[in-house]
Amino acid sequence: MDSVQADAYLRRLGARRPARPTDDALRDLHLRHLRTVPFENLSIHLGEEIVLEEKRLVDKVVGARRGGFCYELNGAFGALLTALGFEVTLLAARVYGDGERPGIPYDHLALRVRTVDGGDWLADVGFGTHTHLPLRFAERGEQADPGGVFRIAEAEPDAAGARGGAEPPGGAADLDVLREGRPQYRLEVRPRVLDDFVTGAWWHSTSPRSHFVRSLVCSRLTEDGGRVTLSGRRLTTTAADGTREVTELGEDAEVLRTYRELFGIALEEVPEA
């Protein structure tokens, strides 16, 4: 990503270029990204190809003013952070669904980000309802966040005696990321590259077992710490205190207007699951 592309990305976020890649700059960009760039899987239901290449991801998020799911959002955000001087490592994770075991390999992409302040952070703008701010990577106690109380813990071996992924050099253990005491995903600490996630993105965008194939979602954080989510034709507005208002949308024109006004996404047709 060159300087012109980085500046265009920052304008998308409503952010100024930080003077230095500091902890505060990372927190600001992370929060702005969640408020501005929706978590959405519309491409899957519009017949649009998902290509995990940096230029394609940035073109989608910045040029087309769209969102995406984890590979796209964290892939693009990681490219921006790198262009701004942060040290960024892509990490693979497996998401805990309804069961007690984590999902498929390369289920999720998250970012490890180091700053000139010496900060070492877990950043994730691609997990939907999650942290508003990065988590301290080395901290093993509870971390309070506007999105809840989180904790990063060394993963316990599963019933088969494995930690769920090939151990990286040095034998470092996988990590579980928990919210309110419930595991969200199991994180590997081995560095990855974007190409490693192609199979996971393909599975999530094509398998009938994938919840992204079975349902529609478009969601972003609001300025007051709440969330607005459009799932098909159901609009849910969640306040910061957790209270919800649900509205069923009717005409296609109303759905398209909602995508445009609440998420900044201009569509020619209504995606259907």
Protein backbone atom coordinates (compact mmCIF):
# COMPACT_ATOMS: atom_id res chain seq x y z
CA MET A 1 0.00 0.00 0.00
CA ASP A 2 1.50 3.33 -1.05
CA SER A 3 1.07 6.70 0.64
CA VAL A 4 -1.81 7.77 -1.60
CA GLN A 5 -3.76 4.57 -0.86
CA ALA A 6 -3.07 4.89 2.87
CA ASP A 7 -4.34 8.48 2.87
CA ALA A 8 -7.51 7.39 1.03
CA TYR A 9 -8.04 4.64 3.64
CA LEU A 10 -7.59 7.16 6.45
CA ARG A 11 -10.17 9.45 4.85
CA ARG A 12 -12.56 6.48 4.77
CA LEU A 13 -12.06 6.18 8.53
CA GLY A 14 -12.26 9.93 9.13
CA ALA A 15 -8.77 9.81 10.63
CA ARG A 16 -5.65 11.90 10.28
CA ARG A 17 -2.34 10.24 9.51
CA PRO A 18 -0.69 9.55 12.88
CA ALA A 19 2.70 11.16 13.38
CA ARG A 20 4.07 7.90 14.78
CA PRO A 21 2.78 4.31 15.12
CA THR A 22 1.93 4.58 18.81
CA ASP A 23 -0.43 2.74 21.17
CA ASP A 24 -2.87 5.65 21.13
CA ALA A 25 -2.84 5.82 17.33
CA LEU A 26 -3.62 2.10 17.09
CA ARG A 27 -6.52 2.37 19.53
CA ASP A 28 -7.96 5.33 17.62
CA LEU A 29 -7.73 3.62 14.23
CA HIS A 30 -9.16 0.36 15.63
CA LEU A 31 -12.23 2.09 17.05
CA ARG A 32 -12.78 4.21 13.94
CA HIS A 33 -12.61 1.10 11.75
CA LEU A 34 -15.31 -0.65 13.75
CA ARG A 35 -17.57 2.41 13.57
CA THR A 36 -17.02 3.03 9.87
CA VAL A 37 -16.40 -0.23 8.00
CA PRO A 38 -19.20 -2.78 8.42
CA PHE A 39 -18.76 -6.44 9.20
CA GLU A 40 -20.76 -7.94 6.32
CA ASN A 41 -21.03 -11.04 4.15
CA LEU A 42 -23.05 -9.52 1.31
CA SER A 43 -20.59 -10.61 -1.38
CA ILE A 44 -21.43 -14.25 -0.74
CA HIS A 45 -25.11 -13.57 -1.52
CA LEU A 46 -24.47 -11.20 -4.42
CA GLY A 47 -22.30 -13.64 -6.36
CA GLU A 48 -19.17 -11.52 -5.87
CA GLU A 49 -15.81 -13.28 -5.73
CA ILE A 50 -13.81 -12.91 -2.51
CA VAL A 51 -10.13 -12.54 -3.38
CA LEU A 52 -7.54 -12.43 -0.61
CA GLU A 53 -5.09 -10.09 -2.28
CA GLU A 54 -4.14 -6.81 -0.63
CA LYS A 55 -5.10 -4.61 -3.59
CA ARG A 56 -8.49 -6.28 -4.00
CA LEU A 57 -9.24 -5.96 -0.29
CA VAL A 58 -8.29 -2.28 -0.17
CA ASP A 59 -10.23 -1.58 -3.38
CA LYS A 60 -13.32 -3.10 -1.76
CA VAL A 61 -13.02 -1.36 1.62
CA VAL A 62 -11.80 2.02 0.35
CA GLY A 63 -12.75 2.30 -3.33
CA ALA A 64 -16.15 0.58 -3.15
CA ARG A 65 -16.79 1.71 0.45
CA ARG A 66 -17.83 -1.79 1.44
CA GLY A 67 -17.08 -3.96 4.42
CA GLY A 68 -16.35 -7.66 4.59
CA PHE A 69 -15.74 -10.50 7.00
CA CYS A 70 -12.61 -11.30 9.00
CA TYR A 71 -10.16 -12.12 6.22
CA GLU A 72 -11.11 -8.99 4.31
CA LEU A 73 -11.40 -6.55 7.21
CA ASN A 74 -8.32 -7.60 9.15
CA GLY A 75 -6.40 -8.18 5.92
CA ALA A 76 -7.08 -4.63 4.75
CA PHE A 77 -6.58 -3.09 8.21
CA GLY A 78 -3.28 -4.94 8.61
CA ALA A 79 -2.09 -3.51 5.28
CA LEU A 80 -2.99 0.01 6.43
CA LEU A 81 -1.20 -0.40 9.75
CA THR A 82 1.90 -1.72 8.01
CA ALA A 83 1.90 1.28 5.67
CA LEU A 84 1.73 3.56 8.72
CA GLY A 85 4.79 1.96 10.31
CA PHE A 86 3.24 -0.53 12.73
CA GLU A 87 4.75 -4.02 12.94
CA VAL A 88 1.92 -6.37 11.96
CA THR A 89 1.73 -10.17 12.08
CA LEU A 90 -1.22 -12.14 10.71
CA LEU A 91 -2.45 -14.87 13.05
CA ALA A 92 -4.80 -17.78 12.41
CA ALA A 93 -7.59 -18.73 14.80
CA ARG A 94 -10.39 -21.27 15.10
CA VAL A 95 -13.73 -19.97 16.27
CA TYR A 96 -15.79 -21.54 19.04
CA GLY A 97 -19.31 -21.95 17.73
CA ASP A 98 -22.19 -23.50 19.63
CA GLY A 99 -20.06 -26.46 20.65
CA GLU A 100 -17.15 -26.78 23.06
CA ARG A 101 -14.45 -27.30 20.44
CA PRO A 102 -12.99 -24.73 18.06
CA GLY A 103 -13.82 -24.87 14.36
CA ILE A 104 -11.88 -25.43 11.17
CA PRO A 105 -8.25 -24.41 10.64
CA TYR A 106 -7.85 -20.84 9.33
CA ASP A 107 -11.38 -20.16 10.55
CA HIS A 108 -10.49 -16.58 11.47
CA LEU A 109 -7.75 -14.02 10.86
CA ALA A 110 -6.58 -11.67 13.62
CA LEU A 111 -3.64 -9.27 13.96
CA ARG A 112 -0.73 -9.00 16.34
CA VAL A 113 0.47 -5.39 16.27
CA ARG A 114 3.58 -3.87 17.82
CA THR A 115 4.03 -0.13 18.29
CA VAL A 116 6.97 2.22 18.83
CA ASP A 117 5.84 2.53 22.46
CA GLY A 118 6.74 -1.11 22.97
CA GLY A 119 3.09 -2.12 22.99
CA ASP A 120 2.20 -5.63 21.82
CA TRP A 121 -1.50 -5.88 20.95
CA LEU A 122 -4.15 -8.26 19.63
CA ALA A 123 -6.17 -6.20 17.16
CA ASP A 124 -9.35 -7.54 15.56
CA VAL A 125 -11.79 -5.45 13.50
CA GLY A 126 -13.30 -8.51 11.83
CA PHE A 127 -15.15 -10.51 14.48
CA GLY A 128 -18.46 -8.69 14.70
CA THR A 129 -19.45 -8.14 18.33
CA HIS A 130 -16.07 -8.15 20.03
CA THR A 131 -13.57 -5.74 21.56
CA HIS A 132 -13.82 -2.06 20.71
CA LEU A 133 -10.10 -1.60 21.39
CA PRO A 134 -7.05 -3.85 21.00
CA LEU A 135 -6.15 -6.23 23.81
CA ARG A 136 -2.70 -6.41 25.42
CA PHE A 137 -1.23 -9.54 23.90
CA ALA A 138 0.91 -10.62 26.85
CA GLU A 139 -1.66 -9.84 29.56
CA ARG A 140 -3.25 -12.98 31.02
CA GLY A 141 -5.60 -11.28 33.46
CA GLU A 142 -8.98 -9.74 32.72
CA GLN A 143 -9.00 -6.75 30.37
CA ALA A 144 -11.93 -4.37 30.60
CA ASP A 145 -13.18 -3.04 27.27
CA PRO A 146 -16.34 -1.13 26.25
CA GLY A 147 -17.39 -4.38 24.54
CA GLY A 148 -17.09 -6.46 27.71
CA VAL A 149 -14.48 -8.12 29.90
CA PHE A 150 -11.92 -10.10 27.90
CA ARG A 151 -9.08 -12.41 28.74
CA ILE A 152 -6.30 -14.07 26.77
CA ALA A 153 -5.33 -17.42 28.27
CA GLU A 154 -3.05 -20.28 27.34
CA ALA A 155 -5.20 -22.95 25.73
CA GLU A 156 -5.74 -26.24 27.52
CA PRO A 157 -5.03 -29.38 25.45
CA ASP A 158 -8.21 -30.89 24.00
CA ALA A 159 -9.41 -34.43 24.65
CA ALA A 160 -6.99 -35.79 22.05
CA GLY A 161 -4.10 -34.15 23.84
CA ALA A 162 -3.54 -31.54 21.14
CA ARG A 163 -3.92 -27.80 21.32
CA GLY A 164 -5.74 -27.62 18.01
CA GLY A 165 -2.89 -26.59 15.74
CA ALA A 166 0.69 -27.40 14.89
CA GLU A 167 2.91 -25.95 17.60
CA PRO A 168 5.12 -23.14 16.37
CA PRO A 169 8.90 -23.20 16.80
CA GLY A 170 9.83 -22.90 20.46
CA GLY A 171 6.73 -24.78 21.60
CA ALA A 172 4.61 -21.72 22.35
CA ALA A 173 1.06 -22.69 23.24
CA ASP A 174 -2.08 -21.64 21.44
CA LEU A 175 -4.14 -18.96 23.16
CA ASP A 176 -7.86 -18.80 23.91
CA VAL A 177 -9.53 -15.41 23.68
CA LEU A 178 -12.49 -15.20 26.08
CA ARG A 179 -15.32 -12.70 26.48
CA GLU A 180 -17.21 -12.68 29.77
CA GLY A 181 -15.56 -16.01 30.56
CA ARG A 182 -16.73 -17.72 27.34
CA PRO A 183 -14.13 -18.71 24.72
CA GLN A 184 -14.49 -16.83 21.44
CA TYR A 185 -11.62 -18.27 19.43
CA ARG A 186 -8.39 -20.25 19.76
CA LEU A 187 -5.44 -18.29 18.44
CA GLU A 188 -2.21 -19.70 17.03
CA VAL A 189 0.88 -17.59 17.61
CA ARG A 190 2.77 -18.71 14.49
CA PRO A 191 3.02 -15.89 11.89
CA ARG A 192 0.91 -16.42 8.76
CA VAL A 193 0.53 -14.77 5.36
CA LEU A 194 -2.69 -13.81 3.61
CA ASP A 195 -2.50 -16.72 1.17
CA ASP A 196 -2.73 -19.14 4.10
CA PHE A 197 -6.37 -18.13 4.61
CA VAL A 198 -7.62 -18.79 1.07
CA THR A 199 -9.03 -22.23 1.91
CA GLY A 200 -10.82 -20.94 5.00
CA ALA A 201 -12.35 -18.06 3.04
CA TRP A 202 -13.45 -20.47 0.31
CA TRP A 203 -15.09 -22.80 2.84
CA HIS A 204 -16.91 -19.99 4.60
CA SER A 205 -18.19 -18.55 1.31
CA THR A 206 -19.28 -21.84 -0.31
CA SER A 207 -20.02 -24.58 2.25
CA PRO A 208 -23.68 -25.17 3.12
CA ARG A 209 -22.42 -25.71 6.70
CA SER A 210 -21.05 -22.17 6.87
CA HIS A 211 -23.23 -19.71 8.79
CA PHE A 212 -22.11 -17.03 6.31
CA VAL A 213 -23.75 -19.02 3.50
CA ARG A 214 -26.89 -19.71 5.53
CA SER A 215 -27.51 -16.14 6.67
CA LEU A 216 -27.00 -12.48 5.84
CA VAL A 217 -25.38 -9.93 8.11
CA CYS A 218 -24.28 -6.31 7.91
CA SER A 219 -23.26 -4.75 11.21
CA ARG A 220 -21.19 -1.94 12.65
CA LEU A 221 -20.43 -0.30 15.96
CA THR A 222 -22.22 3.00 16.60
CA GLU A 223 -20.74 6.20 18.00
CA ASP A 224 -22.40 5.68 21.40
CA GLY A 225 -20.99 2.17 21.81
CA GLY A 226 -24.08 0.35 20.61
CA ARG A 227 -24.50 -1.59 17.39
CA VAL A 228 -26.71 -1.53 14.33
CA THR A 229 -27.24 -4.79 12.43
CA LEU A 230 -29.21 -5.66 9.31
CA SER A 231 -29.84 -9.40 8.97
CA GLY A 232 -31.74 -9.93 5.76
CA ARG A 233 -34.72 -7.63 6.28
CA ARG A 234 -34.51 -7.46 10.07
CA LEU A 235 -32.91 -4.31 11.44
CA THR A 236 -31.68 -4.51 15.05
CA THR A 237 -30.50 -1.42 16.87
CA THR A 238 -28.71 -2.24 20.12
CA ALA A 239 -27.96 0.52 22.61
CA ALA A 240 -24.79 0.62 24.69
CA ASP A 241 -26.77 -0.68 27.69
CA GLY A 242 -27.88 -3.75 25.71
CA THR A 243 -31.50 -2.75 25.04
CA ARG A 244 -32.68 -3.63 21.55
CA GLU A 245 -35.16 -2.33 19.03
CA VAL A 246 -36.08 -4.64 16.14
CA THR A 247 -37.73 -3.47 12.92
CA GLU A 248 -38.88 -5.66 10.04
CA LEU A 249 -38.22 -3.95 6.71
CA GLY A 250 -40.54 -4.49 3.79
CA GLU A 251 -40.04 -3.05 0.31
CA ASP A 252 -36.74 -3.55 -1.49
CA ALA A 253 -36.36 0.21 -1.69
CA GLU A 254 -36.49 0.43 2.12
CA VAL A 255 -33.81 -2.26 2.47
CA LEU A 256 -31.52 -0.58 -0.06
CA ARG A 257 -32.03 2.79 1.64
CA THR A 258 -31.08 1.25 5.00
CA TYR A 259 -27.87 -0.21 3.59
CA ARG A 260 -27.03 3.20 2.16
CA GLU A 261 -27.98 5.41 5.12
CA LEU A 262 -26.81 3.26 8.03
CA PHE A 263 -23.83 1.47 6.49
CA GLY A 264 -22.78 3.68 3.57
CA ILE A 265 -23.22 0.75 1.16
CA ALA A 266 -24.82 1.48 -2.21
CA LEU A 267 -26.34 -1.66 -3.75
CA GLU A 268 -28.30 -2.15 -6.95
CA GLU A 269 -30.16 -5.21 -5.67
CA VAL A 270 -31.19 -6.64 -2.33
CA PRO A 271 -29.05 -9.63 -1.32
CA GLU A 272 -31.04 -12.64 -0.20
CA ALA A 273 -29.82 -15.63 1.83
